[in-house]
Structure formats: structure tokens, C-alpha cells
Amino acid sequence: MKIGQIVHEADLHDERFDAPEASGLDVIVSGLSLTLDDEALLRVTGSVFDGLYAFKQRVPAPGRHPA
């Protein structure tokens, strides 16, 4: 799934997948990790990942039209 590819690229930066969203996700999570403790980071990033998932479910892939 595309979400897994985005997270993989944001975490590993190995260019295995074409996931341009990974840069933004990495900046957001890295920035939050500088301001939150681990427990708070897990709570907040849960919402970030839920939002990313919801967005990717709602927006059609390039070349596809919404149903």
C-alpha cells in the first residue's frame, strides 16, 4: 500500500519507492520529536498517520477519477 511506501521512505531515505510525500512526513515527525516526549509523540503522530491514511483514501490516484 502507498502509505507503507511513504512511511518507509520517511524513515529510511533509501529511495526504494517514489513517495514524494515522505519528505513532508519526515519533517513533521522529526520536528514533533524535538518538542514532545515519547508518550506525547506517539499520541500526536497517531493522529498524523490517521490523517494521512484518510487523505490517501479520499484523493484519487493520478489518472483516476473519483467514483
Protein backbone atom coordinates (compact mmCIF):
# COMPACT_ATOMS: atom_id res chain seq x y z
CA MET A 1 0.00 0.00 0.00
CA LYS A 2 1.13 3.53 -0.70
CA ILE A 3 1.06 4.53 3.00
CA GLY A 4 3.67 1.89 3.78
CA GLN A 5 5.87 3.20 0.99
CA ILE A 6 5.58 6.77 2.28
CA VAL A 7 6.46 5.72 5.83
CA HIS A 8 9.33 3.54 4.56
CA GLU A 9 10.85 6.47 2.63
CA ALA A 10 10.32 8.93 5.51
CA ASP A 11 12.07 6.55 7.88
CA LEU A 12 14.87 5.06 5.77
CA HIS A 13 15.53 7.58 2.97
CA ASP A 14 16.74 4.78 0.71
CA GLU A 15 14.81 5.90 -2.40
CA ARG A 16 13.30 2.43 -2.76
CA PHE A 17 9.88 3.91 -3.51
CA ASP A 18 8.74 7.01 -5.36
CA ALA A 19 6.99 8.68 -2.45
CA PRO A 20 7.31 12.48 -2.62
CA GLU A 21 5.10 12.84 0.46
CA ALA A 22 7.83 11.21 2.55
CA SER A 23 9.86 14.41 2.83
CA GLY A 24 7.00 16.31 4.43
CA LEU A 25 6.13 13.45 6.74
CA ASP A 26 9.75 13.19 7.86
CA VAL A 27 9.94 16.92 8.62
CA ILE A 28 6.68 16.83 10.60
CA VAL A 29 7.58 13.78 12.69
CA SER A 30 11.18 14.89 13.22
CA GLY A 31 10.04 18.35 14.32
CA LEU A 32 7.48 16.91 16.71
CA SER A 33 10.12 14.61 18.19
CA LEU A 34 12.13 17.70 19.15
CA THR A 35 9.25 19.19 21.13
CA LEU A 36 7.41 16.22 22.63
CA ASP A 37 8.32 13.36 24.93
CA ASP A 38 7.90 9.82 23.61
CA GLU A 39 4.41 9.28 25.01
CA ALA A 40 3.08 12.54 23.59
CA LEU A 41 4.84 11.90 20.27
CA LEU A 42 3.07 8.56 19.91
CA ARG A 43 -0.32 10.17 20.63
CA VAL A 44 0.19 13.03 18.18
CA THR A 45 1.74 11.02 15.37
CA GLY A 46 -1.11 8.55 15.63
CA SER A 47 -3.38 11.38 14.52
CA VAL A 48 -0.91 12.44 11.82
CA PHE A 49 -0.82 8.93 10.35
CA ASP A 50 -4.61 8.58 10.64
CA GLY A 51 -4.97 11.84 8.73
CA LEU A 52 -2.51 10.72 6.06
CA TYR A 53 -4.41 7.47 5.65
CA ALA A 54 -7.77 9.27 5.40
CA PHE A 55 -6.37 11.71 2.86
CA LYS A 56 -4.91 8.96 0.67
CA GLN A 57 -8.24 7.09 0.78
CA ARG A 58 -10.15 10.19 -0.32
CA VAL A 59 -7.90 11.57 -3.07
CA PRO A 60 -7.85 9.55 -6.29
CA ALA A 61 -4.52 8.45 -7.70
CA PRO A 62 -3.25 10.40 -10.72
CA GLY A 63 -5.20 9.45 -13.82
CA ARG A 64 -8.15 8.13 -11.80
CA HIS A 65 -11.45 9.88 -11.35
CA PRO A 66 -13.43 9.84 -8.11
CA ALA A 67 -16.35 7.40 -8.05
